[in-house]
Every structure is written in C-alpha cells, then in structure tokens.
Amino acid sequence: MKTIMVVDDEISVLDQVKNCLEKDNYKVIAVNNNRKALELIERGKEEDFGLILINTSIPNTEIPALFSMKPKSKKSIDTSKKKDFLQKPFSSEQLIDFIKKKI
C-alpha cells in the first residue's frame, strides 16, 4: 500500500486525518509545513507516495480545504477541478470516501 502524506499547519487537523486514515489501514506521514513536505518528497522516491493532501482553500474562495494531488503531477498541478478538494470541516466518512476516490 502506498503512503499518504498530509500537510497542514493545524495540528488538530493533522491528528484527525492521520488517526482516521490509519484506522482504515492507510500508512500516513503527517507534516505541519510545506518545507518539510518538500524535503520528504525530494529525499524519497516520488512513487513512495500514493497521494498528497495539502492544506489550502478552494480557488476563488476563502473556504478552507484539503487539496489532493498525485506526486507525479507536481510539475503541472491543476487546481481548477473542485473534485480534487475536500472542504473543511469534514467527517471521517467524507475523508475516507474522498481518499478512496483519489487512490
């Protein structure tokens, strides 16, 4: 199983996401800043991560969300697809459903 990286500066969100995904048998790396996330991606292999969730907001709004991306797409990230965002706050069920659609 591939690892999911979660990047969010809110520790409570990181803990919520990590606990939820681990209960559903996903391997999770949780980091609280973008610099650390980039270091982990550069140190490892791109294929080590099946999915990366990044704290952001939905484009053209102030609505907080997690943006999902496949690591291989990092050179040409398209943030125009609303389906790649999970609006905060979200339930555990919404998170798991979102992840299953992305992996």
C-alpha atoms as a PDB file:
ATOM      1  CA  MET A   1       0.000   0.000   0.000  1.00  0.00           C
ATOM      2  CA  LYS A   2       1.213   3.476  -0.854  1.00  0.00           C
ATOM      3  CA  THR A   3       1.728   6.138   1.774  1.00  0.00           C
ATOM      4  CA  ILE A   4      -0.491   9.205   2.058  1.00  0.00           C
ATOM      5  CA  MET A   5       1.225  12.454   3.026  1.00  0.00           C
ATOM      6  CA  VAL A   6      -0.893  15.043   4.807  1.00  0.00           C
ATOM      7  CA  VAL A   7       0.373  18.642   5.000  1.00  0.00           C
ATOM      8  CA  ASP A   8      -1.450  21.024   7.336  1.00  0.00           C
ATOM      9  CA  ASP A   9      -0.273  23.625   9.844  1.00  0.00           C
ATOM     10  CA  GLU A  10      -3.197  22.851  12.158  1.00  0.00           C
ATOM     11  CA  ILE A  11      -2.044  20.038  14.433  1.00  0.00           C
ATOM     12  CA  SER A  12      -5.644  19.123  15.314  1.00  0.00           C
ATOM     13  CA  VAL A  13      -6.463  18.576  11.614  1.00  0.00           C
ATOM     14  CA  LEU A  14      -3.274  16.532  11.119  1.00  0.00           C
ATOM     15  CA  ASP A  15      -4.163  14.337  14.088  1.00  0.00           C
ATOM     16  CA  GLN A  16      -7.763  13.907  12.924  1.00  0.00           C
ATOM     17  CA  VAL A  17      -6.756  12.936   9.379  1.00  0.00           C
ATOM     18  CA  LYS A  18      -3.892  10.680  10.480  1.00  0.00           C
ATOM     19  CA  ASN A  19      -5.998   8.800  13.041  1.00  0.00           C
ATOM     20  CA  CYS A  20      -8.905   8.395  10.646  1.00  0.00           C
ATOM     21  CA  LEU A  21      -6.764   7.078   7.790  1.00  0.00           C
ATOM     22  CA  GLU A  22      -4.711   4.765   9.997  1.00  0.00           C
ATOM     23  CA  LYS A  23      -7.942   3.225  11.360  1.00  0.00           C
ATOM     24  CA  ASP A  24      -8.794   2.442   7.745  1.00  0.00           C
ATOM     25  CA  ASN A  25      -5.359   0.778   7.306  1.00  0.00           C
ATOM     26  CA  TYR A  26      -3.600   3.530   5.359  1.00  0.00           C
ATOM     27  CA  LYS A  27       0.011   4.423   6.058  1.00  0.00           C
ATOM     28  CA  VAL A  28       0.210   8.160   6.792  1.00  0.00           C
ATOM     29  CA  ILE A  29       3.006  10.706   7.066  1.00  0.00           C
ATOM     30  CA  ALA A  30       1.764  13.917   8.663  1.00  0.00           C
ATOM     31  CA  VAL A  31       3.810  17.111   8.383  1.00  0.00           C
ATOM     32  CA  ASN A  32       2.967  20.582   9.599  1.00  0.00           C
ATOM     33  CA  ASN A  33       4.691  22.718   6.959  1.00  0.00           C
ATOM     34  CA  ASN A  34       5.356  22.771   3.225  1.00  0.00           C
ATOM     35  CA  ARG A  35       9.146  22.895   3.534  1.00  0.00           C
ATOM     36  CA  LYS A  36       9.224  19.642   5.475  1.00  0.00           C
ATOM     37  CA  ALA A  37       6.888  18.044   2.932  1.00  0.00           C
ATOM     38  CA  LEU A  38       9.132  19.054   0.026  1.00  0.00           C
ATOM     39  CA  GLU A  39      12.190  17.695   1.839  1.00  0.00           C
ATOM     40  CA  LEU A  40      10.490  14.331   2.335  1.00  0.00           C
ATOM     41  CA  ILE A  41       9.422  14.180  -1.307  1.00  0.00           C
ATOM     42  CA  GLU A  42      12.895  15.112  -2.544  1.00  0.00           C
ATOM     43  CA  ARG A  43      14.631  12.657  -0.182  1.00  0.00           C
ATOM     44  CA  GLY A  44      12.375   9.753  -1.067  1.00  0.00           C
ATOM     45  CA  LYS A  45      11.161   8.464  -4.345  1.00  0.00           C
ATOM     46  CA  GLU A  46       8.175  10.036  -5.999  1.00  0.00           C
ATOM     47  CA  GLU A  47       6.412   6.691  -6.153  1.00  0.00           C
ATOM     48  CA  ASP A  48       6.665   6.312  -2.348  1.00  0.00           C
ATOM     49  CA  PHE A  49       3.526   8.435  -2.004  1.00  0.00           C
ATOM     50  CA  GLY A  50       0.200   7.364  -3.422  1.00  0.00           C
ATOM     51  CA  LEU A  51      -1.438  10.674  -2.573  1.00  0.00           C
ATOM     52  CA  ILE A  52      -0.600  14.025  -1.009  1.00  0.00           C
ATOM     53  CA  LEU A  53      -3.196  16.124   0.807  1.00  0.00           C
ATOM     54  CA  ILE A  54      -2.287  19.801   1.192  1.00  0.00           C
ATOM     55  CA  ASN A  55      -3.974  22.416   3.360  1.00  0.00           C
ATOM     56  CA  THR A  56      -5.264  25.270   1.204  1.00  0.00           C
ATOM     57  CA  SER A  57      -8.501  26.964   0.264  1.00  0.00           C
ATOM     58  CA  ILE A  58     -10.822  26.332  -2.650  1.00  0.00           C
ATOM     59  CA  PRO A  59      -9.799  28.619  -5.560  1.00  0.00           C
ATOM     60  CA  ASN A  60     -11.594  31.960  -5.760  1.00  0.00           C
ATOM     61  CA  THR A  61     -12.972  31.488  -2.243  1.00  0.00           C
ATOM     62  CA  GLU A  62     -11.829  31.667   1.346  1.00  0.00           C
ATOM     63  CA  ILE A  63     -13.217  28.191   2.073  1.00  0.00           C
ATOM     64  CA  PRO A  64     -10.577  26.013   3.787  1.00  0.00           C
ATOM     65  CA  ALA A  65      -9.987  22.621   2.227  1.00  0.00           C
ATOM     66  CA  LEU A  66      -7.533  19.836   1.602  1.00  0.00           C
ATOM     67  CA  PHE A  67      -6.243  19.627  -1.971  1.00  0.00           C
ATOM     68  CA  SER A  68      -5.364  16.158  -3.242  1.00  0.00           C
ATOM     69  CA  MET A  69      -2.638  15.510  -5.752  1.00  0.00           C
ATOM     70  CA  LYS A  70      -0.720  12.591  -7.120  1.00  0.00           C
ATOM     71  CA  PRO A  71       3.014  13.189  -6.678  1.00  0.00           C
ATOM     72  CA  LYS A  72       3.777  12.594 -10.350  1.00  0.00           C
ATOM     73  CA  SER A  73       1.596  15.572 -11.238  1.00  0.00           C
ATOM     74  CA  LYS A  74       3.528  18.059  -9.114  1.00  0.00           C
ATOM     75  CA  LYS A  75       5.096  19.686 -12.160  1.00  0.00           C
ATOM     76  CA  SER A  76       1.730  20.593 -13.657  1.00  0.00           C
ATOM     77  CA  ILE A  77      -0.773  20.981 -10.847  1.00  0.00           C
ATOM     78  CA  ASP A  78      -4.283  21.847 -11.960  1.00  0.00           C
ATOM     79  CA  THR A  79      -6.272  23.398  -9.107  1.00  0.00           C
ATOM     80  CA  SER A  80      -9.340  24.148 -11.202  1.00  0.00           C
ATOM     81  CA  LYS A  81     -11.080  20.834 -10.509  1.00  0.00           C
ATOM     82  CA  LYS A  82     -13.321  21.155  -7.455  1.00  0.00           C
ATOM     83  CA  LYS A  83     -13.393  17.359  -7.176  1.00  0.00           C
ATOM     84  CA  ASP A  84      -9.748  17.494  -6.020  1.00  0.00           C
ATOM     85  CA  PHE A  85     -10.723  19.491  -2.906  1.00  0.00           C
ATOM     86  CA  LEU A  86     -12.253  18.281   0.345  1.00  0.00           C
ATOM     87  CA  GLN A  87     -13.913  21.211   2.102  1.00  0.00           C
ATOM     88  CA  LYS A  88     -13.232  21.638   5.816  1.00  0.00           C
ATOM     89  CA  PRO A  89     -14.678  20.703   8.198  1.00  0.00           C
ATOM     90  CA  PHE A  90     -15.283  17.142   7.066  1.00  0.00           C
ATOM     91  CA  SER A  91     -16.350  13.929   8.740  1.00  0.00           C
ATOM     92  CA  SER A  92     -14.295  10.751   8.915  1.00  0.00           C
ATOM     93  CA  GLU A  93     -16.661   9.153   6.423  1.00  0.00           C
ATOM     94  CA  GLN A  94     -16.242  12.036   3.970  1.00  0.00           C
ATOM     95  CA  LEU A  95     -12.448  11.810   4.291  1.00  0.00           C
ATOM     96  CA  ILE A  96     -12.335   8.056   3.663  1.00  0.00           C
ATOM     97  CA  ASP A  97     -14.720   8.344   0.703  1.00  0.00           C
ATOM     98  CA  PHE A  98     -12.585  11.188  -0.742  1.00  0.00           C
ATOM     99  CA  ILE A  99      -9.364   9.155  -0.344  1.00  0.00           C
ATOM    100  CA  LYS A 100     -10.851   6.030  -1.939  1.00  0.00           C
ATOM    101  CA  LYS A 101     -11.854   8.063  -4.999  1.00  0.00           C
ATOM    102  CA  LYS A 102      -8.342   9.512  -5.311  1.00  0.00           C
ATOM    103  CA  ILE A 103      -6.211   6.390  -4.862  1.00  0.00           C
END
